[in-house]
Amino acid sequence: MENRIETGWLFDFYGPLLTSRQQTLLALYCEEDFSLSEIAAREGISRQAAYDAVRRGAAQLESYEKQLGLLARHQRMTKGLEDSLEALRDAPGEKAEQARSILEKLLMQEEE
């Protein structure tokens, strides 16, 4: 729970694997940027219950990432595409332009 952004990324990849309740609470926490107190008030639970549920959900997401590594793979691929595109930025010629176009399309697809 230390890093809300990382938890949000993990939620994007593995959220559907969580229970619907965990999905709801983590969506409020990660996507809506609700505080634990706001989540508790909205869901009619204690702040401690909200904290526990978010913490357990985040731990589950981390466990999925440890086992499957999809986020790390995505980040490596995106970085490789960006580095390749940057290396081709100043390269002259039609083939370089085609390669840049292909890489830009792949990056756009990866970001969706």
N, C-alpha and C. Protein backbone atom coordinates (compact mmCIF):
# COMPACT_ATOMS: atom_id res chain seq x y z
N MET A 1 0.82 -1.18 0.00
CA MET A 1 0.00 0.00 0.00
C MET A 1 0.87 1.25 0.00
N GLU A 2 2.15 1.06 0.08
CA GLU A 2 3.08 2.18 0.10
C GLU A 2 2.96 3.01 -1.16
N ASN A 3 2.80 2.34 -2.29
CA ASN A 3 2.82 3.05 -3.55
C ASN A 3 1.48 2.89 -4.26
N ARG A 4 0.66 3.90 -4.15
CA ARG A 4 -0.69 3.84 -4.73
C ARG A 4 -0.64 3.70 -6.24
N ILE A 5 0.34 4.32 -6.87
CA ILE A 5 0.46 4.25 -8.33
C ILE A 5 0.78 2.82 -8.76
N GLU A 6 1.73 2.19 -8.10
CA GLU A 6 2.07 0.81 -8.44
C GLU A 6 0.88 -0.12 -8.19
N THR A 7 0.17 0.11 -7.09
CA THR A 7 -1.02 -0.70 -6.81
C THR A 7 -2.06 -0.48 -7.92
N GLY A 8 -2.17 0.74 -8.39
CA GLY A 8 -3.08 1.03 -9.49
C GLY A 8 -2.71 0.30 -10.76
N TRP A 9 -1.42 0.26 -11.07
CA TRP A 9 -0.96 -0.50 -12.24
C TRP A 9 -1.30 -1.98 -12.08
N LEU A 10 -1.00 -2.51 -10.90
CA LEU A 10 -1.30 -3.92 -10.65
C LEU A 10 -2.80 -4.18 -10.74
N PHE A 11 -3.59 -3.23 -10.25
CA PHE A 11 -5.04 -3.37 -10.32
C PHE A 11 -5.51 -3.41 -11.78
N ASP A 12 -4.88 -2.61 -12.63
CA ASP A 12 -5.24 -2.62 -14.05
C ASP A 12 -4.99 -4.00 -14.67
N PHE A 13 -3.92 -4.64 -14.27
CA PHE A 13 -3.57 -5.94 -14.84
C PHE A 13 -4.34 -7.09 -14.21
N TYR A 14 -4.46 -7.07 -12.90
CA TYR A 14 -4.98 -8.24 -12.19
C TYR A 14 -6.31 -8.02 -11.47
N GLY A 15 -6.87 -6.84 -11.57
CA GLY A 15 -8.12 -6.52 -10.88
C GLY A 15 -9.23 -7.53 -11.09
N PRO A 16 -9.42 -8.01 -12.33
CA PRO A 16 -10.51 -8.98 -12.56
C PRO A 16 -10.35 -10.28 -11.79
N LEU A 17 -9.16 -10.54 -11.28
CA LEU A 17 -8.94 -11.78 -10.52
C LEU A 17 -9.37 -11.65 -9.06
N LEU A 18 -9.66 -10.43 -8.62
CA LEU A 18 -10.08 -10.19 -7.24
C LEU A 18 -11.58 -10.41 -7.10
N THR A 19 -12.03 -10.53 -5.86
CA THR A 19 -13.46 -10.61 -5.63
C THR A 19 -14.11 -9.28 -6.00
N SER A 20 -15.40 -9.29 -6.21
CA SER A 20 -16.08 -8.05 -6.60
C SER A 20 -15.96 -6.99 -5.49
N ARG A 21 -15.98 -7.43 -4.24
CA ARG A 21 -15.82 -6.49 -3.12
C ARG A 21 -14.43 -5.86 -3.13
N GLN A 22 -13.41 -6.67 -3.32
CA GLN A 22 -12.05 -6.14 -3.40
C GLN A 22 -11.90 -5.20 -4.59
N GLN A 23 -12.51 -5.56 -5.71
CA GLN A 23 -12.46 -4.70 -6.89
C GLN A 23 -13.08 -3.33 -6.59
N THR A 24 -14.23 -3.35 -5.92
CA THR A 24 -14.90 -2.10 -5.59
C THR A 24 -14.03 -1.22 -4.71
N LEU A 25 -13.50 -1.79 -3.64
CA LEU A 25 -12.72 -1.01 -2.69
C LEU A 25 -11.40 -0.53 -3.31
N LEU A 26 -10.74 -1.39 -4.07
CA LEU A 26 -9.48 -0.97 -4.69
C LEU A 26 -9.71 0.04 -5.81
N ALA A 27 -10.82 -0.07 -6.51
CA ALA A 27 -11.13 0.93 -7.54
C ALA A 27 -11.32 2.30 -6.89
N LEU A 28 -12.00 2.34 -5.77
CA LEU A 28 -12.15 3.61 -5.05
C LEU A 28 -10.80 4.15 -4.60
N TYR A 29 -9.97 3.27 -4.10
CA TYR A 29 -8.66 3.67 -3.58
C TYR A 29 -7.70 4.09 -4.70
N CYS A 30 -7.59 3.28 -5.74
CA CYS A 30 -6.60 3.51 -6.79
C CYS A 30 -7.08 4.45 -7.89
N GLU A 31 -8.28 4.22 -8.37
CA GLU A 31 -8.77 4.96 -9.53
C GLU A 31 -9.48 6.25 -9.16
N GLU A 32 -10.21 6.23 -8.06
CA GLU A 32 -10.96 7.42 -7.65
C GLU A 32 -10.18 8.26 -6.64
N ASP A 33 -9.07 7.72 -6.15
CA ASP A 33 -8.20 8.42 -5.19
C ASP A 33 -8.92 8.76 -3.88
N PHE A 34 -9.82 7.88 -3.46
CA PHE A 34 -10.51 8.07 -2.19
C PHE A 34 -9.54 7.77 -1.05
N SER A 35 -9.68 8.48 0.04
CA SER A 35 -8.93 8.14 1.25
C SER A 35 -9.62 6.95 1.90
N LEU A 36 -8.95 6.35 2.85
CA LEU A 36 -9.55 5.22 3.57
C LEU A 36 -10.80 5.66 4.32
N SER A 37 -10.78 6.86 4.86
CA SER A 37 -11.96 7.39 5.56
C SER A 37 -13.13 7.59 4.59
N GLU A 38 -12.84 8.08 3.41
CA GLU A 38 -13.89 8.27 2.41
C GLU A 38 -14.47 6.94 1.95
N ILE A 39 -13.60 5.95 1.78
CA ILE A 39 -14.06 4.62 1.39
C ILE A 39 -14.96 4.06 2.49
N ALA A 40 -14.52 4.19 3.73
CA ALA A 40 -15.29 3.67 4.86
C ALA A 40 -16.67 4.33 4.91
N ALA A 41 -16.72 5.63 4.77
CA ALA A 41 -18.00 6.35 4.83
C ALA A 41 -18.91 5.93 3.67
N ARG A 42 -18.35 5.80 2.50
CA ARG A 42 -19.16 5.45 1.33
C ARG A 42 -19.71 4.03 1.43
N GLU A 43 -18.87 3.11 1.93
CA GLU A 43 -19.25 1.70 1.97
C GLU A 43 -19.91 1.29 3.28
N GLY A 44 -19.99 2.19 4.24
CA GLY A 44 -20.63 1.88 5.51
C GLY A 44 -19.84 0.90 6.37
N ILE A 45 -18.52 1.03 6.32
CA ILE A 45 -17.64 0.17 7.11
C ILE A 45 -16.71 1.06 7.92
N SER A 46 -15.96 0.46 8.83
CA SER A 46 -15.01 1.24 9.61
C SER A 46 -13.77 1.56 8.77
N ARG A 47 -13.05 2.56 9.20
CA ARG A 47 -11.81 2.90 8.50
C ARG A 47 -10.83 1.74 8.56
N GLN A 48 -10.80 1.05 9.69
CA GLN A 48 -9.92 -0.10 9.85
C GLN A 48 -10.29 -1.21 8.87
N ALA A 49 -11.58 -1.45 8.68
CA ALA A 49 -12.03 -2.47 7.73
C ALA A 49 -11.63 -2.08 6.30
N ALA A 50 -11.75 -0.80 5.98
CA ALA A 50 -11.34 -0.33 4.66
C ALA A 50 -9.83 -0.52 4.49
N TYR A 51 -9.08 -0.17 5.50
CA TYR A 51 -7.62 -0.33 5.46
C TYR A 51 -7.26 -1.81 5.26
N ASP A 52 -7.86 -2.68 6.04
CA ASP A 52 -7.57 -4.11 5.95
C ASP A 52 -7.91 -4.66 4.57
N ALA A 53 -9.06 -4.28 4.04
CA ALA A 53 -9.49 -4.79 2.74
C ALA A 53 -8.57 -4.29 1.62
N VAL A 54 -8.22 -3.03 1.66
CA VAL A 54 -7.32 -2.47 0.64
C VAL A 54 -5.94 -3.12 0.75
N ARG A 55 -5.46 -3.28 1.96
CA ARG A 55 -4.15 -3.90 2.18
C ARG A 55 -4.13 -5.36 1.68
N ARG A 56 -5.18 -6.10 2.01
CA ARG A 56 -5.25 -7.50 1.55
C ARG A 56 -5.36 -7.57 0.02
N GLY A 57 -6.17 -6.70 -0.55
CA GLY A 57 -6.30 -6.68 -2.01
C GLY A 57 -4.98 -6.34 -2.69
N ALA A 58 -4.28 -5.34 -2.16
CA ALA A 58 -2.98 -4.95 -2.72
C ALA A 58 -1.97 -6.09 -2.59
N ALA A 59 -2.00 -6.78 -1.46
CA ALA A 59 -1.10 -7.93 -1.26
C ALA A 59 -1.41 -9.04 -2.26
N GLN A 60 -2.70 -9.25 -2.54
CA GLN A 60 -3.09 -10.26 -3.51
C GLN A 60 -2.59 -9.88 -4.90
N LEU A 61 -2.72 -8.60 -5.25
CA LEU A 61 -2.22 -8.14 -6.55
C LEU A 61 -0.71 -8.34 -6.67
N GLU A 62 0.00 -8.04 -5.60
CA GLU A 62 1.46 -8.23 -5.60
C GLU A 62 1.80 -9.71 -5.76
N SER A 63 1.02 -10.56 -5.14
CA SER A 63 1.23 -12.00 -5.26
C SER A 63 1.04 -12.46 -6.71
N TYR A 64 -0.01 -11.95 -7.35
CA TYR A 64 -0.23 -12.29 -8.76
C TYR A 64 0.95 -11.83 -9.62
N GLU A 65 1.43 -10.63 -9.35
CA GLU A 65 2.56 -10.11 -10.14
C GLU A 65 3.81 -10.95 -9.92
N LYS A 66 4.03 -11.37 -8.68
CA LYS A 66 5.19 -12.23 -8.39
C LYS A 66 5.12 -13.53 -9.17
N GLN A 67 3.93 -14.08 -9.28
CA GLN A 67 3.75 -15.35 -9.96
C GLN A 67 3.73 -15.21 -11.48
N LEU A 68 3.11 -14.15 -11.98
CA LEU A 68 2.88 -14.03 -13.42
C LEU A 68 3.79 -13.02 -14.11
N GLY A 69 4.13 -11.94 -13.43
CA GLY A 69 5.06 -10.96 -13.98
C GLY A 69 4.56 -10.18 -15.18
N LEU A 70 3.25 -10.02 -15.34
CA LEU A 70 2.71 -9.33 -16.51
C LEU A 70 3.05 -7.84 -16.52
N LEU A 71 2.99 -7.18 -15.37
CA LEU A 71 3.31 -5.76 -15.32
C LEU A 71 4.77 -5.53 -15.66
N ALA A 72 5.66 -6.32 -15.08
CA ALA A 72 7.09 -6.17 -15.37
C ALA A 72 7.36 -6.40 -16.86
N ARG A 73 6.71 -7.39 -17.42
CA ARG A 73 6.87 -7.67 -18.86
C ARG A 73 6.38 -6.49 -19.69
N HIS A 74 5.24 -5.96 -19.35
CA HIS A 74 4.68 -4.80 -20.06
C HIS A 74 5.64 -3.61 -19.98
N GLN A 75 6.18 -3.36 -18.81
CA GLN A 75 7.10 -2.23 -18.64
C GLN A 75 8.38 -2.43 -19.44
N ARG A 76 8.91 -3.67 -19.47
CA ARG A 76 10.11 -3.95 -20.27
C ARG A 76 9.84 -3.75 -21.76
N MET A 77 8.70 -4.24 -22.21
CA MET A 77 8.36 -4.10 -23.63
C MET A 77 8.17 -2.64 -24.01
N THR A 78 7.47 -1.90 -23.19
CA THR A 78 7.25 -0.48 -23.47
C THR A 78 8.58 0.27 -23.49
N LYS A 79 9.44 -0.01 -22.55
CA LYS A 79 10.76 0.65 -22.50
C LYS A 79 11.57 0.30 -23.74
N GLY A 80 11.55 -0.95 -24.16
CA GLY A 80 12.27 -1.37 -25.36
C GLY A 80 11.74 -0.68 -26.60
N LEU A 81 10.42 -0.56 -26.71
CA LEU A 81 9.83 0.13 -27.85
C LEU A 81 10.21 1.61 -27.84
N GLU A 82 10.16 2.24 -26.68
CA GLU A 82 10.53 3.66 -26.58
C GLU A 82 12.00 3.87 -26.93
N ASP A 83 12.87 3.00 -26.43
CA ASP A 83 14.30 3.11 -26.73
C ASP A 83 14.57 2.91 -28.23
N SER A 84 13.88 1.95 -28.83
CA SER A 84 14.05 1.70 -30.26
C SER A 84 13.56 2.89 -31.09
N LEU A 85 12.45 3.44 -30.69
CA LEU A 85 11.91 4.60 -31.40
C LEU A 85 12.86 5.79 -31.27
N GLU A 86 13.40 6.00 -30.10
CA GLU A 86 14.35 7.10 -29.88
C GLU A 86 15.61 6.91 -30.73
N ALA A 87 16.08 5.67 -30.83
CA ALA A 87 17.28 5.40 -31.64
C ALA A 87 17.02 5.69 -33.12
N LEU A 88 15.79 5.56 -33.57
CA LEU A 88 15.45 5.79 -34.97
C LEU A 88 15.04 7.23 -35.27
N ARG A 89 14.88 8.05 -34.26
CA ARG A 89 14.37 9.42 -34.45
C ARG A 89 15.14 10.18 -35.53
N ASP A 90 16.44 10.13 -35.50
CA ASP A 90 17.25 10.92 -36.42
C ASP A 90 17.80 10.12 -37.59
N ALA A 91 17.39 8.86 -37.69
CA ALA A 91 17.88 8.03 -38.79
C ALA A 91 17.19 8.45 -40.09
N PRO A 92 17.97 8.63 -41.15
CA PRO A 92 17.39 9.04 -42.42
C PRO A 92 16.85 7.84 -43.20
N GLY A 93 16.02 8.12 -44.18
CA GLY A 93 15.61 7.09 -45.11
C GLY A 93 14.20 6.58 -44.90
N GLU A 94 13.71 5.97 -45.96
CA GLU A 94 12.34 5.45 -45.97
C GLU A 94 12.18 4.26 -45.02
N LYS A 95 13.17 3.39 -44.96
CA LYS A 95 13.08 2.22 -44.06
C LYS A 95 13.03 2.66 -42.60
N ALA A 96 13.81 3.68 -42.26
CA ALA A 96 13.79 4.20 -40.89
C ALA A 96 12.42 4.80 -40.58
N GLU A 97 11.83 5.50 -41.53
CA GLU A 97 10.50 6.07 -41.34
C GLU A 97 9.46 4.97 -41.15
N GLN A 98 9.56 3.90 -41.91
CA GLN A 98 8.64 2.78 -41.75
C GLN A 98 8.80 2.14 -40.38
N ALA A 99 10.03 1.98 -39.96
CA ALA A 99 10.29 1.39 -38.64
C ALA A 99 9.74 2.29 -37.54
N ARG A 100 9.92 3.60 -37.66
CA ARG A 100 9.38 4.54 -36.67
C ARG A 100 7.85 4.43 -36.61
N SER A 101 7.23 4.35 -37.76
CA SER A 101 5.78 4.24 -37.83
C SER A 101 5.29 2.96 -37.15
N ILE A 102 5.95 1.87 -37.41
CA ILE A 102 5.59 0.59 -36.78
C ILE A 102 5.75 0.67 -35.27
N LEU A 103 6.86 1.22 -34.81
CA LEU A 103 7.11 1.33 -33.37
C LEU A 103 6.09 2.25 -32.70
N GLU A 104 5.74 3.34 -33.35
CA GLU A 104 4.75 4.25 -32.77
C GLU A 104 3.39 3.55 -32.64
N LYS A 105 3.01 2.78 -33.62
CA LYS A 105 1.75 2.04 -33.55
C LYS A 105 1.78 1.01 -32.42
N LEU A 106 2.90 0.31 -32.31
CA LEU A 106 3.02 -0.69 -31.23
C LEU A 106 2.95 -0.03 -29.86
N LEU A 107 3.59 1.12 -29.71
CA LEU A 107 3.54 1.84 -28.44
C LEU A 107 2.11 2.28 -28.11
N MET A 108 1.39 2.76 -29.10
CA MET A 108 0.02 3.18 -28.87
C MET A 108 -0.84 1.99 -28.45
N GLN A 109 -0.63 0.85 -29.07
CA GLN A 109 -1.39 -0.35 -28.72
C GLN A 109 -1.05 -0.80 -27.30
N GLU A 110 0.21 -0.73 -26.96
CA GLU A 110 0.68 -1.16 -25.64
C GLU A 110 0.10 -0.27 -24.55
N GLU A 111 -0.05 1.04 -24.84
CA GLU A 111 -0.56 1.98 -23.85
C GLU A 111 -2.06 1.87 -23.66
N GLU A 112 -2.76 1.27 -24.62
CA GLU A 112 -4.21 1.09 -24.47
C GLU A 112 -4.44 -0.03 -23.51
